[in-house]
Amino acid sequence: MDRRKFIQTTSVAGTTFLMAPQLGKAAGFFKGSPNDKVVIGMMGTHSRGLYLAQNFCALPNVEIAYICDVDSKVVESTVADIGKRTGKNPQGLGDIRRLLEKRDVDAIVIAAPDHWHAPATIM
């Protein structure tokens, strides 16, 4: 298979994959997916992370379930802020390893200082 054929094949497959839920809804047999809601854990919410958390909680079908930061005061203030915005307080954590153990998390946003990006990603 040459590169051109590979790109054509993957483009068709990708488009089909993305269109499948919409086609199912139009036909009336697709009622929804458990994946309609994205559960997020936030790591590092002092400044940039708080800004990102505030933007994520404004999106439909997004739930910020966990706030993780080594500074307990930052965790408390971020949990209170997100709780006030969404009506549901996320759980505060002080260790990224506890966040990684959570089975209901779909995505983790790493907004910690640069030197913590790689270790968090590797874990």
PDB file of N, CA and C in Angstrom:
ATOM      1  N   MET A   1       0.859  -1.172   0.000  1.00  0.00           N
ATOM      2  CA  MET A   1       0.000   0.000   0.000  1.00  0.00           C
ATOM      3  C   MET A   1       0.906   1.237   0.000  1.00  0.00           C
ATOM      4  N   ASP A   2       0.662   2.126  -0.928  1.00  0.00           N
ATOM      5  CA  ASP A   2       1.462   3.344  -0.970  1.00  0.00           C
ATOM      6  C   ASP A   2       0.846   4.413  -0.063  1.00  0.00           C
ATOM      7  N   ARG A   3       1.545   5.497   0.105  1.00  0.00           N
ATOM      8  CA  ARG A   3       1.120   6.565   1.019  1.00  0.00           C
ATOM      9  C   ARG A   3      -0.202   7.184   0.593  1.00  0.00           C
ATOM     10  N   ARG A   4      -0.411   7.370  -0.695  1.00  0.00           N
ATOM     11  CA  ARG A   4      -1.645   7.988  -1.185  1.00  0.00           C
ATOM     12  C   ARG A   4      -2.861   7.108  -0.877  1.00  0.00           C
ATOM     13  N   LYS A   5      -2.737   5.811  -1.100  1.00  0.00           N
ATOM     14  CA  LYS A   5      -3.830   4.882  -0.817  1.00  0.00           C
ATOM     15  C   LYS A   5      -4.112   4.821   0.685  1.00  0.00           C
ATOM     16  N   PHE A   6      -3.048   4.852   1.501  1.00  0.00           N
ATOM     17  CA  PHE A   6      -3.202   4.841   2.946  1.00  0.00           C
ATOM     18  C   PHE A   6      -3.983   6.071   3.415  1.00  0.00           C
ATOM     19  N   ILE A   7      -3.646   7.240   2.910  1.00  0.00           N
ATOM     20  CA  ILE A   7      -4.331   8.477   3.300  1.00  0.00           C
ATOM     21  C   ILE A   7      -5.798   8.439   2.866  1.00  0.00           C
ATOM     22  N   GLN A   8      -6.072   7.940   1.669  1.00  0.00           N
ATOM     23  CA  GLN A   8      -7.456   7.826   1.211  1.00  0.00           C
ATOM     24  C   GLN A   8      -8.255   6.880   2.109  1.00  0.00           C
ATOM     25  N   THR A   9      -7.685   5.741   2.407  1.00  0.00           N
ATOM     26  CA  THR A   9      -8.380   4.739   3.219  1.00  0.00           C
ATOM     27  C   THR A   9      -8.655   5.258   4.624  1.00  0.00           C
ATOM     28  N   THR A  10      -7.646   5.860   5.248  1.00  0.00           N
ATOM     29  CA  THR A  10      -7.839   6.359   6.614  1.00  0.00           C
ATOM     30  C   THR A  10      -8.779   7.557   6.639  1.00  0.00           C
ATOM     31  N   SER A  11      -8.789   8.356   5.591  1.00  0.00           N
ATOM     32  CA  SER A  11      -9.723   9.492   5.534  1.00  0.00           C
ATOM     33  C   SER A  11     -11.167   9.002   5.476  1.00  0.00           C
ATOM     34  N   VAL A  12     -11.428   8.006   4.648  1.00  0.00           N
ATOM     35  CA  VAL A  12     -12.776   7.458   4.545  1.00  0.00           C
ATOM     36  C   VAL A  12     -13.177   6.802   5.857  1.00  0.00           C
ATOM     37  N   ALA A  13     -12.268   6.028   6.450  1.00  0.00           N
ATOM     38  CA  ALA A  13     -12.569   5.360   7.719  1.00  0.00           C
ATOM     39  C   ALA A  13     -12.821   6.377   8.826  1.00  0.00           C
ATOM     40  N   GLY A  14     -12.007   7.415   8.885  1.00  0.00           N
ATOM     41  CA  GLY A  14     -12.182   8.441   9.908  1.00  0.00           C
ATOM     42  C   GLY A  14     -13.480   9.200   9.763  1.00  0.00           C
ATOM     43  N   THR A  15     -13.830   9.543   8.544  1.00  0.00           N
ATOM     44  CA  THR A  15     -15.083  10.250   8.298  1.00  0.00           C
ATOM     45  C   THR A  15     -16.278   9.377   8.665  1.00  0.00           C
ATOM     46  N   THR A  16     -16.208   8.109   8.311  1.00  0.00           N
ATOM     47  CA  THR A  16     -17.287   7.175   8.656  1.00  0.00           C
ATOM     48  C   THR A  16     -17.423   7.045  10.161  1.00  0.00           C
ATOM     49  N   PHE A  17     -16.291   6.930  10.839  1.00  0.00           N
ATOM     50  CA  PHE A  17     -16.295   6.811  12.300  1.00  0.00           C
ATOM     51  C   PHE A  17     -16.918   8.044  12.952  1.00  0.00           C
ATOM     52  N   LEU A  18     -16.593   9.224  12.444  1.00  0.00           N
ATOM     53  CA  LEU A  18     -17.129  10.454  13.024  1.00  0.00           C
ATOM     54  C   LEU A  18     -18.607  10.658  12.702  1.00  0.00           C
ATOM     55  N   MET A  19     -19.042  10.170  11.567  1.00  0.00           N
ATOM     56  CA  MET A  19     -20.428  10.372  11.156  1.00  0.00           C
ATOM     57  C   MET A  19     -21.380   9.313  11.714  1.00  0.00           C
ATOM     58  N   ALA A  20     -20.876   8.194  12.182  1.00  0.00           N
ATOM     59  CA  ALA A  20     -21.733   7.089  12.622  1.00  0.00           C
ATOM     60  C   ALA A  20     -22.748   7.488  13.691  1.00  0.00           C
ATOM     61  N   PRO A  21     -22.372   8.197  14.749  1.00  0.00           N
ATOM     62  CA  PRO A  21     -23.393   8.572  15.740  1.00  0.00           C
ATOM     63  C   PRO A  21     -24.481   9.471  15.166  1.00  0.00           C
ATOM     64  N   GLN A  22     -24.117  10.404  14.289  1.00  0.00           N
ATOM     65  CA  GLN A  22     -25.123  11.287  13.710  1.00  0.00           C
ATOM     66  C   GLN A  22     -26.072  10.524  12.792  1.00  0.00           C
ATOM     67  N   LEU A  23     -25.538   9.574  12.037  1.00  0.00           N
ATOM     68  CA  LEU A  23     -26.392   8.771  11.157  1.00  0.00           C
ATOM     69  C   LEU A  23     -27.328   7.903  11.985  1.00  0.00           C
ATOM     70  N   GLY A  24     -26.824   7.365  13.089  1.00  0.00           N
ATOM     71  CA  GLY A  24     -27.657   6.546  13.970  1.00  0.00           C
ATOM     72  C   GLY A  24     -28.768   7.355  14.613  1.00  0.00           C
ATOM     73  N   LYS A  25     -28.471   8.577  15.024  1.00  0.00           N
ATOM     74  CA  LYS A  25     -29.501   9.438  15.615  1.00  0.00           C
ATOM     75  C   LYS A  25     -30.570   9.780  14.587  1.00  0.00           C
ATOM     76  N   ALA A  26     -30.138  10.062  13.361  1.00  0.00           N
ATOM     77  CA  ALA A  26     -31.093  10.408  12.308  1.00  0.00           C
ATOM     78  C   ALA A  26     -32.019   9.233  11.998  1.00  0.00           C
ATOM     79  N   ALA A  27     -31.492   8.013  12.076  1.00  0.00           N
ATOM     80  CA  ALA A  27     -32.305   6.829  11.796  1.00  0.00           C
ATOM     81  C   ALA A  27     -33.221   6.479  12.970  1.00  0.00           C
ATOM     82  N   GLY A  28     -32.948   7.029  14.151  1.00  0.00           N
ATOM     83  CA  GLY A  28     -33.820   6.820  15.292  1.00  0.00           C
ATOM     84  C   GLY A  28     -33.444   5.656  16.191  1.00  0.00           C
ATOM     85  N   PHE A  29     -32.378   4.916  15.878  1.00  0.00           N
ATOM     86  CA  PHE A  29     -32.029   3.786  16.732  1.00  0.00           C
ATOM     87  C   PHE A  29     -30.887   4.080  17.694  1.00  0.00           C
ATOM     88  N   PHE A  30     -30.278   5.227  17.595  1.00  0.00           N
ATOM     89  CA  PHE A  30     -29.192   5.596  18.508  1.00  0.00           C
ATOM     90  C   PHE A  30     -29.739   6.603  19.518  1.00  0.00           C
ATOM     91  N   LYS A  31     -29.844   6.209  20.766  1.00  0.00           N
ATOM     92  CA  LYS A  31     -30.463   7.044  21.796  1.00  0.00           C
ATOM     93  C   LYS A  31     -29.470   7.903  22.561  1.00  0.00           C
ATOM     94  N   GLY A  32     -28.208   7.680  22.390  1.00  0.00           N
ATOM     95  CA  GLY A  32     -27.198   8.428  23.123  1.00  0.00           C
ATOM     96  C   GLY A  32     -26.100   7.494  23.591  1.00  0.00           C
ATOM     97  N   SER A  33     -25.070   8.068  24.099  1.00  0.00           N
ATOM     98  CA  SER A  33     -23.906   7.296  24.496  1.00  0.00           C
ATOM     99  C   SER A  33     -23.501   7.645  25.912  1.00  0.00           C
ATOM    100  N   PRO A  34     -22.968   6.678  26.637  1.00  0.00           N
ATOM    101  CA  PRO A  34     -22.433   7.026  27.955  1.00  0.00           C
ATOM    102  C   PRO A  34     -21.257   7.980  27.841  1.00  0.00           C
ATOM    103  N   ASN A  35     -20.701   8.075  26.653  1.00  0.00           N
ATOM    104  CA  ASN A  35     -19.565   8.964  26.435  1.00  0.00           C
ATOM    105  C   ASN A  35     -19.987  10.388  26.088  1.00  0.00           C
ATOM    106  N   ASP A  36     -21.271  10.694  26.196  1.00  0.00           N
ATOM    107  CA  ASP A  36     -21.729  12.047  25.902  1.00  0.00           C
ATOM    108  C   ASP A  36     -21.210  13.049  26.922  1.00  0.00           C
ATOM    109  N   LYS A  37     -20.797  12.573  28.089  1.00  0.00           N
ATOM    110  CA  LYS A  37     -20.240  13.453  29.114  1.00  0.00           C
ATOM    111  C   LYS A  37     -18.769  13.116  29.301  1.00  0.00           C
ATOM    112  N   VAL A  38     -17.922  14.129  29.304  1.00  0.00           N
ATOM    113  CA  VAL A  38     -16.492  13.945  29.516  1.00  0.00           C
ATOM    114  C   VAL A  38     -16.170  14.344  30.950  1.00  0.00           C
ATOM    115  N   VAL A  39     -15.566  13.427  31.696  1.00  0.00           N
ATOM    116  CA  VAL A  39     -15.188  13.671  33.088  1.00  0.00           C
ATOM    117  C   VAL A  39     -13.703  14.025  33.114  1.00  0.00           C
ATOM    118  N   ILE A  40     -13.410  15.208  33.673  1.00  0.00           N
ATOM    119  CA  ILE A  40     -12.052  15.744  33.645  1.00  0.00           C
ATOM    120  C   ILE A  40     -11.476  15.839  35.046  1.00  0.00           C
ATOM    121  N   GLY A  41     -10.181  15.565  35.133  1.00  0.00           N
ATOM    122  CA  GLY A  41      -9.395  15.843  36.324  1.00  0.00           C
ATOM    123  C   GLY A  41      -8.393  16.933  35.982  1.00  0.00           C
ATOM    124  N   MET A  42      -8.261  17.913  36.830  1.00  0.00           N
ATOM    125  CA  MET A  42      -7.353  19.042  36.590  1.00  0.00           C
ATOM    126  C   MET A  42      -6.150  18.936  37.520  1.00  0.00           C
ATOM    127  N   MET A  43      -4.950  18.981  36.965  1.00  0.00           N
ATOM    128  CA  MET A  43      -3.729  18.981  37.771  1.00  0.00           C
ATOM    129  C   MET A  43      -3.068  20.342  37.656  1.00  0.00           C
ATOM    130  N   GLY A  44      -2.916  21.024  38.784  1.00  0.00           N
ATOM    131  CA  GLY A  44      -2.290  22.345  38.789  1.00  0.00           C
ATOM    132  C   GLY A  44      -3.305  23.418  38.463  1.00  0.00           C
ATOM    133  N   THR A  45      -3.878  24.029  39.483  1.00  0.00           N
ATOM    134  CA  THR A  45      -4.958  24.992  39.228  1.00  0.00           C
ATOM    135  C   THR A  45      -4.691  26.346  39.890  1.00  0.00           C
ATOM    136  N   HIS A  46      -3.439  26.753  39.904  1.00  0.00           N
ATOM    137  CA  HIS A  46      -3.147  28.033  40.551  1.00  0.00           C
ATOM    138  C   HIS A  46      -3.518  29.218  39.673  1.00  0.00           C
ATOM    139  N   SER A  47      -3.014  29.303  38.465  1.00  0.00           N
ATOM    140  CA  SER A  47      -3.367  30.443  37.617  1.00  0.00           C
ATOM    141  C   SER A  47      -3.897  29.963  36.267  1.00  0.00           C
ATOM    142  N   ARG A  48      -3.043  29.439  35.418  1.00  0.00           N
ATOM    143  CA  ARG A  48      -3.467  28.950  34.108  1.00  0.00           C
ATOM    144  C   ARG A  48      -4.470  27.801  34.269  1.00  0.00           C
ATOM    145  N   GLY A  49      -4.213  26.924  35.226  1.00  0.00           N
ATOM    146  CA  GLY A  49      -5.106  25.801  35.460  1.00  0.00           C
ATOM    147  C   GLY A  49      -6.489  26.238  35.904  1.00  0.00           C
ATOM    148  N   LEU A  50      -6.556  27.275  36.743  1.00  0.00           N
ATOM    149  CA  LEU A  50      -7.852  27.806  37.170  1.00  0.00           C
ATOM    150  C   LEU A  50      -8.603  28.380  35.974  1.00  0.00           C
ATOM    151  N   TYR A  51      -7.898  29.109  35.131  1.00  0.00           N
ATOM    152  CA  TYR A  51      -8.508  29.670  33.918  1.00  0.00           C
ATOM    153  C   TYR A  51      -9.063  28.554  33.028  1.00  0.00           C
ATOM    154  N   LEU A  52      -8.267  27.496  32.828  1.00  0.00           N
ATOM    155  CA  LEU A  52      -8.722  26.369  32.007  1.00  0.00           C
ATOM    156  C   LEU A  52      -9.921  25.675  32.642  1.00  0.00           C
ATOM    157  N   ALA A  53      -9.878  25.479  33.957  1.00  0.00           N
ATOM    158  CA  ALA A  53     -10.995  24.827  34.655  1.00  0.00           C
ATOM    159  C   ALA A  53     -12.275  25.639  34.501  1.00  0.00           C
ATOM    160  N   GLN A  54     -12.175  26.947  34.620  1.00  0.00           N
ATOM    161  CA  GLN A  54     -13.353  27.805  34.472  1.00  0.00           C
ATOM    162  C   GLN A  54     -13.920  27.705  33.056  1.00  0.00           C
ATOM    163  N   ASN A  55     -13.049  27.606  32.056  1.00  0.00           N
ATOM    164  CA  ASN A  55     -13.521  27.466  30.675  1.00  0.00           C
ATOM    165  C   ASN A  55     -14.109  26.089  30.418  1.00  0.00           C
ATOM    166  N   PHE A  56     -13.488  25.048  30.955  1.00  0.00           N
ATOM    167  CA  PHE A  56     -14.022  23.699  30.764  1.00  0.00           C
ATOM    168  C   PHE A  56     -15.382  23.542  31.427  1.00  0.00           C
ATOM    169  N   CYS A  57     -15.564  24.103  32.618  1.00  0.00           N
ATOM    170  CA  CYS A  57     -16.842  23.901  33.304  1.00  0.00           C
ATOM    171  C   CYS A  57     -17.982  24.669  32.626  1.00  0.00           C
ATOM    172  N   ALA A  58     -17.656  25.591  31.741  1.00  0.00           N
ATOM    173  CA  ALA A  58     -18.689  26.311  30.998  1.00  0.00           C
ATOM    174  C   ALA A  58     -19.162  25.525  29.773  1.00  0.00           C
ATOM    175  N   LEU A  59     -18.450  24.457  29.416  1.00  0.00           N
ATOM    176  CA  LEU A  59     -18.823  23.669  28.246  1.00  0.00           C
ATOM    177  C   LEU A  59     -19.940  22.692  28.591  1.00  0.00           C
ATOM    178  N   PRO A  60     -20.853  22.471  27.658  1.00  0.00           N
ATOM    179  CA  PRO A  60     -21.897  21.470  27.921  1.00  0.00           C
ATOM    180  C   PRO A  60     -21.296  20.071  27.903  1.00  0.00           C
ATOM    181  N   ASN A  61     -21.841  19.181  28.702  1.00  0.00           N
ATOM    182  CA  ASN A  61     -21.422  17.785  28.762  1.00  0.00           C
ATOM    183  C   ASN A  61     -19.994  17.587  29.243  1.00  0.00           C
ATOM    184  N   VAL A  62     -19.465  18.544  29.992  1.00  0.00           N
ATOM    185  CA  VAL A  62     -18.141  18.406  30.604  1.00  0.00           C
ATOM    186  C   VAL A  62     -18.307  18.532  32.104  1.00  0.00           C
ATOM    187  N   GLU A  63     -17.741  17.593  32.825  1.00  0.00           N
ATOM    188  CA  GLU A  63     -17.780  17.643  34.284  1.00  0.00           C
ATOM    189  C   GLU A  63     -16.353  17.630  34.814  1.00  0.00           C
ATOM    190  N   ILE A  64     -16.016  18.618  35.606  1.00  0.00           N
ATOM    191  CA  ILE A  64     -14.726  18.611  36.289  1.00  0.00           C
ATOM    192  C   ILE A  64     -14.960  17.897  37.617  1.00  0.00           C
ATOM    193  N   ALA A  65     -14.481  16.674  37.697  1.00  0.00           N
ATOM    194  CA  ALA A  65     -14.753  15.835  38.857  1.00  0.00           C
ATOM    195  C   ALA A  65     -13.656  15.913  39.906  1.00  0.00           C
ATOM    196  N   TYR A  66     -12.428  16.246  39.484  1.00  0.00           N
ATOM    197  CA  TYR A  66     -11.296  16.238  40.409  1.00  0.00           C
ATOM    198  C   TYR A  66     -10.394  17.444  40.175  1.00  0.00           C
ATOM    199  N   ILE A  67      -9.948  18.006  41.282  1.00  0.00           N
ATOM    200  CA  ILE A  67      -8.968  19.083  41.262  1.00  0.00           C
ATOM    201  C   ILE A  67      -7.756  18.577  42.023  1.00  0.00           C
ATOM    202  N   CYS A  68      -6.585  18.635  41.392  1.00  0.00           N
ATOM    203  CA  CYS A  68      -5.368  18.121  42.022  1.00  0.00           C
ATOM    204  C   CYS A  68      -4.302  19.216  42.031  1.00  0.00           C
ATOM    205  N   ASP A  69      -3.800  19.511  43.208  1.00  0.00           N
ATOM    206  CA  ASP A  69      -2.712  20.481  43.359  1.00  0.00           C
ATOM    207  C   ASP A  69      -1.999  20.177  44.670  1.00  0.00           C
ATOM    208  N   VAL A  70      -0.698  20.445  44.723  1.00  0.00           N
ATOM    209  CA  VAL A  70       0.050  20.182  45.955  1.00  0.00           C
ATOM    210  C   VAL A  70      -0.262  21.209  47.035  1.00  0.00           C
ATOM    211  N   ASP A  71      -0.758  22.365  46.632  1.00  0.00           N
ATOM    212  CA  ASP A  71      -1.109  23.429  47.583  1.00  0.00           C
ATOM    213  C   ASP A  71      -2.580  23.263  47.983  1.00  0.00           C
ATOM    214  N   SER A  72      -2.817  22.892  49.232  1.00  0.00           N
ATOM    215  CA  SER A  72      -4.188  22.622  49.681  1.00  0.00           C
ATOM    216  C   SER A  72      -5.074  23.865  49.626  1.00  0.00           C
ATOM    217  N   LYS A  73      -4.490  25.053  49.795  1.00  0.00           N
ATOM    218  CA  LYS A  73      -5.287  26.283  49.707  1.00  0.00           C
ATOM    219  C   LYS A  73      -5.775  26.509  48.277  1.00  0.00           C
ATOM    220  N   VAL A  74      -4.933  26.190  47.310  1.00  0.00           N
ATOM    221  CA  VAL A  74      -5.330  26.321  45.906  1.00  0.00           C
ATOM    222  C   VAL A  74      -6.434  25.316  45.581  1.00  0.00           C
ATOM    223  N   VAL A  75      -6.304  24.105  46.106  1.00  0.00           N
ATOM    224  CA  VAL A  75      -7.339  23.084  45.892  1.00  0.00           C
ATOM    225  C   VAL A  75      -8.669  23.573  46.451  1.00  0.00           C
ATOM    226  N   GLU A  76      -8.661  24.071  47.676  1.00  0.00           N
ATOM    227  CA  GLU A  76      -9.896  24.550  48.312  1.00  0.00           C
ATOM    228  C   GLU A  76     -10.540  25.676  47.525  1.00  0.00           C
ATOM    229  N   SER A  77      -9.739  26.645  47.111  1.00  0.00           N
ATOM    230  CA  SER A  77     -10.311  27.788  46.391  1.00  0.00           C
ATOM    231  C   SER A  77     -10.825  27.381  45.007  1.00  0.00           C
ATOM    232  N   THR A  78     -10.131  26.476  44.337  1.00  0.00           N
ATOM    233  CA  THR A  78     -10.581  26.034  43.015  1.00  0.00           C
ATOM    234  C   THR A  78     -11.852  25.195  43.125  1.00  0.00           C
ATOM    235  N   VAL A  79     -11.904  24.308  44.112  1.00  0.00           N
ATOM    236  CA  VAL A  79     -13.113  23.500  44.327  1.00  0.00           C
ATOM    237  C   VAL A  79     -14.303  24.408  44.595  1.00  0.00           C
ATOM    238  N   ALA A  80     -14.098  25.427  45.426  1.00  0.00           N
ATOM    239  CA  ALA A  80     -15.187  26.366  45.728  1.00  0.00           C
ATOM    240  C   ALA A  80     -15.611  27.132  44.474  1.00  0.00           C
ATOM    241  N   ASP A  81     -14.647  27.575  43.683  1.00  0.00           N
ATOM    242  CA  ASP A  81     -14.960  28.336  42.469  1.00  0.00           C
ATOM    243  C   ASP A  81     -15.732  27.486  41.463  1.00  0.00           C
ATOM    244  N   ILE A  82     -15.269  26.270  41.212  1.00  0.00           N
ATOM    245  CA  ILE A  82     -15.952  25.399  40.254  1.00  0.00           C
ATOM    246  C   ILE A  82     -17.317  24.985  40.792  1.00  0.00           C
ATOM    247  N   GLY A  83     -17.392  24.724  42.097  1.00  0.00           N
ATOM    248  CA  GLY A  83     -18.676  24.384  42.709  1.00  0.00           C
ATOM    249  C   GLY A  83     -19.697  25.493  42.569  1.00  0.00           C
ATOM    250  N   LYS A  84     -19.233  26.729  42.725  1.00  0.00           N
ATOM    251  CA  LYS A  84     -20.125  27.878  42.580  1.00  0.00           C
ATOM    252  C   LYS A  84     -20.608  28.028  41.134  1.00  0.00           C
ATOM    253  N   ARG A  85     -19.737  27.735  40.189  1.00  0.00           N
ATOM    254  CA  ARG A  85     -20.086  27.879  38.774  1.00  0.00           C
ATOM    255  C   ARG A  85     -20.991  26.751  38.267  1.00  0.00           C
ATOM    256  N   THR A  86     -20.795  25.537  38.778  1.00  0.00           N
ATOM    257  CA  THR A  86     -21.512  24.382  38.234  1.00  0.00           C
ATOM    258  C   THR A  86     -22.574  23.826  39.166  1.00  0.00           C
ATOM    259  N   GLY A  87     -22.512  24.165  40.441  1.00  0.00           N
ATOM    260  CA  GLY A  87     -23.446  23.615  41.403  1.00  0.00           C
ATOM    261  C   GLY A  87     -23.006  22.262  41.949  1.00  0.00           C
ATOM    262  N   LYS A  88     -21.847  21.788  41.540  1.00  0.00           N
ATOM    263  CA  LYS A  88     -21.331  20.506  42.017  1.00  0.00           C
ATOM    264  C   LYS A  88     -19.845  20.658  42.323  1.00  0.00           C
ATOM    265  N   ASN A  89     -19.472  20.405  43.581  1.00  0.00           N
ATOM    266  CA  ASN A  89     -18.072  20.531  43.970  1.00  0.00           C
ATOM    267  C   ASN A  89     -17.256  19.334  43.494  1.00  0.00           C
ATOM    268  N   PRO A  90     -16.148  19.589  42.795  1.00  0.00           N
ATOM    269  CA  PRO A  90     -15.260  18.481  42.458  1.00  0.00           C
ATOM    270  C   PRO A  90     -14.519  18.011  43.706  1.00  0.00           C
ATOM    271  N   GLN A  91     -13.968  16.822  43.637  1.00  0.00           N
ATOM    272  CA  GLN A  91     -13.202  16.289  44.756  1.00  0.00           C
ATOM    273  C   GLN A  91     -11.783  16.848  44.681  1.00  0.00           C
ATOM    274  N   GLY A  92     -11.251  17.297  45.797  1.00  0.00           N
ATOM    275  CA  GLY A  92      -9.893  17.825  45.858  1.00  0.00           C
ATOM    276  C   GLY A  92      -8.891  16.744  46.203  1.00  0.00           C
ATOM    277  N   LEU A  93      -7.766  16.752  45.506  1.00  0.00           N
ATOM    278  CA  LEU A  93      -6.693  15.796  45.736  1.00  0.00           C
ATOM    279  C   LEU A  93      -5.365  16.529  45.811  1.00  0.00           C
ATOM    280  N   GLY A  94      -4.420  15.973  46.534  1.00  0.00           N
ATOM    281  CA  GLY A  94      -3.107  16.591  46.655  1.00  0.00           C
ATOM    282  C   GLY A  94      -2.009  15.847  45.928  1.00  0.00           C
ATOM    283  N   ASP A  95      -2.341  14.701  45.325  1.00  0.00           N
ATOM    284  CA  ASP A  95      -1.324  13.858  44.698  1.00  0.00           C
ATOM    285  C   ASP A  95      -1.847  13.345  43.362  1.00  0.00           C
ATOM    286  N   ILE A  96      -1.078  13.537  42.307  1.00  0.00           N
ATOM    287  CA  ILE A  96      -1.486  13.122  40.963  1.00  0.00           C
ATOM    288  C   ILE A  96      -1.716  11.612  40.899  1.00  0.00           C
ATOM    289  N   ARG A  97      -1.003  10.853  41.713  1.00  0.00           N
ATOM    290  CA  ARG A  97      -1.182   9.394  41.694  1.00  0.00           C
ATOM    291  C   ARG A  97      -2.584   8.998  42.133  1.00  0.00           C
ATOM    292  N   ARG A  98      -3.180   9.746  43.060  1.00  0.00           N
ATOM    293  CA  ARG A  98      -4.562   9.459  43.476  1.00  0.00           C
ATOM    294  C   ARG A  98      -5.525   9.771  42.337  1.00  0.00           C
ATOM    295  N   LEU A  99      -5.230  10.817  41.583  1.00  0.00           N
ATOM    296  CA  LEU A  99      -6.070  11.171  40.435  1.00  0.00           C
ATOM    297  C   LEU A  99      -6.002  10.090  39.364  1.00  0.00           C
ATOM    298  N   LEU A 100      -4.819   9.565  39.131  1.00  0.00           N
ATOM    299  CA  LEU A 100      -4.654   8.525  38.117  1.00  0.00           C
ATOM    300  C   LEU A 100      -5.348   7.226  38.495  1.00  0.00           C
ATOM    301  N   GLU A 101      -5.625   7.015  39.771  1.00  0.00           N
ATOM    302  CA  GLU A 101      -6.325   5.815  40.230  1.00  0.00           C
ATOM    303  C   GLU A 101      -7.836   5.876  39.983  1.00  0.00           C
ATOM    304  N   LYS A 102      -8.358   7.050  39.739  1.00  0.00           N
ATOM    305  CA  LYS A 102      -9.805   7.223  39.559  1.00  0.00           C
ATOM    306  C   LYS A 102     -10.238   6.612  38.231  1.00  0.00           C
ATOM    307  N   ARG A 103     -11.189   5.688  38.292  1.00  0.00           N
ATOM    308  CA  ARG A 103     -11.626   4.957  37.106  1.00  0.00           C
ATOM    309  C   ARG A 103     -12.603   5.756  36.233  1.00  0.00           C
ATOM    310  N   ASP A 104     -13.221   6.785  36.798  1.00  0.00           N
ATOM    311  CA  ASP A 104     -14.235   7.520  36.044  1.00  0.00           C
ATOM    312  C   ASP A 104     -13.675   8.714  35.266  1.00  0.00           C
ATOM    313  N   VAL A 105     -12.379   8.949  35.331  1.00  0.00           N
ATOM    314  CA  VAL A 105     -11.777  10.091  34.644  1.00  0.00           C
ATOM    315  C   VAL A 105     -11.543   9.745  33.176  1.00  0.00           C
ATOM    316  N   ASP A 106     -12.031  10.626  32.290  1.00  0.00           N
ATOM    317  CA  ASP A 106     -11.817  10.444  30.854  1.00  0.00           C
ATOM    318  C   ASP A 106     -10.574  11.176  30.366  1.00  0.00           C
ATOM    319  N   ALA A 107     -10.265  12.319  30.997  1.00  0.00           N
ATOM    320  CA  ALA A 107      -9.121  13.125  30.566  1.00  0.00           C
ATOM    321  C   ALA A 107      -8.534  13.854  31.769  1.00  0.00           C
ATOM    322  N   ILE A 108      -7.232  14.077  31.697  1.00  0.00           N
ATOM    323  CA  ILE A 108      -6.545  14.847  32.734  1.00  0.00           C
ATOM    324  C   ILE A 108      -5.882  16.037  32.062  1.00  0.00           C
ATOM    325  N   VAL A 109      -6.144  17.214  32.590  1.00  0.00           N
ATOM    326  CA  VAL A 109      -5.524  18.430  32.095  1.00  0.00           C
ATOM    327  C   VAL A 109      -4.344  18.734  33.010  1.00  0.00           C
ATOM    328  N   ILE A 110      -3.147  18.797  32.428  1.00  0.00           N
ATOM    329  CA  ILE A 110      -1.944  19.067  33.199  1.00  0.00           C
ATOM    330  C   ILE A 110      -1.579  20.530  33.004  1.00  0.00           C
ATOM    331  N   ALA A 111      -1.841  21.330  34.030  1.00  0.00           N
ATOM    332  CA  ALA A 111      -1.551  22.761  33.970  1.00  0.00           C
ATOM    333  C   ALA A 111      -0.569  23.142  35.071  1.00  0.00           C
ATOM    334  N   ALA A 112       0.232  22.174  35.486  1.00  0.00           N
ATOM    335  CA  ALA A 112       1.247  22.403  36.513  1.00  0.00           C
ATOM    336  C   ALA A 112       2.464  23.079  35.866  1.00  0.00           C
ATOM    337  N   PRO A 113       3.419  23.525  36.664  1.00  0.00           N
ATOM    338  CA  PRO A 113       4.647  24.083  36.087  1.00  0.00           C
ATOM    339  C   PRO A 113       5.330  23.085  35.140  1.00  0.00           C
ATOM    340  N   ASP A 114       6.092  23.620  34.207  1.00  0.00           N
ATOM    341  CA  ASP A 114       6.674  22.829  33.124  1.00  0.00           C
ATOM    342  C   ASP A 114       7.403  21.571  33.586  1.00  0.00           C
ATOM    343  N   HIS A 115       8.146  21.663  34.666  1.00  0.00           N
ATOM    344  CA  HIS A 115       8.946  20.510  35.080  1.00  0.00           C
ATOM    345  C   HIS A 115       8.099  19.353  35.616  1.00  0.00           C
ATOM    346  N   TRP A 116       6.787  19.545  35.773  1.00  0.00           N
ATOM    347  CA  TRP A 116       5.892  18.455  36.201  1.00  0.00           C
ATOM    348  C   TRP A 116       5.094  17.854  35.059  1.00  0.00           C
ATOM    349  N   HIS A 117       5.197  18.441  33.872  1.00  0.00           N
ATOM    350  CA  HIS A 117       4.440  17.921  32.730  1.00  0.00           C
ATOM    351  C   HIS A 117       4.871  16.500  32.373  1.00  0.00           C
ATOM    352  N   ALA A 118       6.168  16.309  32.181  1.00  0.00           N
ATOM    353  CA  ALA A 118       6.672  14.996  31.743  1.00  0.00           C
ATOM    354  C   ALA A 118       6.398  13.913  32.782  1.00  0.00           C
ATOM    355  N   PRO A 119       6.708  14.116  34.071  1.00  0.00           N
ATOM    356  CA  PRO A 119       6.412  13.039  35.040  1.00  0.00           C
ATOM    357  C   PRO A 119       4.918  12.692  35.087  1.00  0.00           C
ATOM    358  N   ALA A 120       4.062  13.677  35.021  1.00  0.00           N
ATOM    359  CA  ALA A 120       2.624  13.407  35.051  1.00  0.00           C
ATOM    360  C   ALA A 120       2.195  12.648  33.809  1.00  0.00           C
ATOM    361  N   THR A 121       2.744  13.001  32.672  1.00  0.00           N
ATOM    362  CA  THR A 121       2.405  12.314  31.422  1.00  0.00           C
ATOM    363  C   THR A 121       2.908  10.868  31.450  1.00  0.00           C
ATOM    364  N   ILE A 122       4.093  10.650  31.948  1.00  0.00           N
ATOM    365  CA  ILE A 122       4.660   9.303  32.018  1.00  0.00           C
ATOM    366  C   ILE A 122       3.845   8.428  32.971  1.00  0.00           C
ATOM    367  N   MET A 123       3.408   8.998  34.095  1.00  0.00           N
ATOM    368  CA  MET A 123       2.607   8.222  35.040  1.00  0.00           C
ATOM    369  C   MET A 123       1.289   7.842  34.422  1.00  0.00           C
TER     370      MET A 123
END
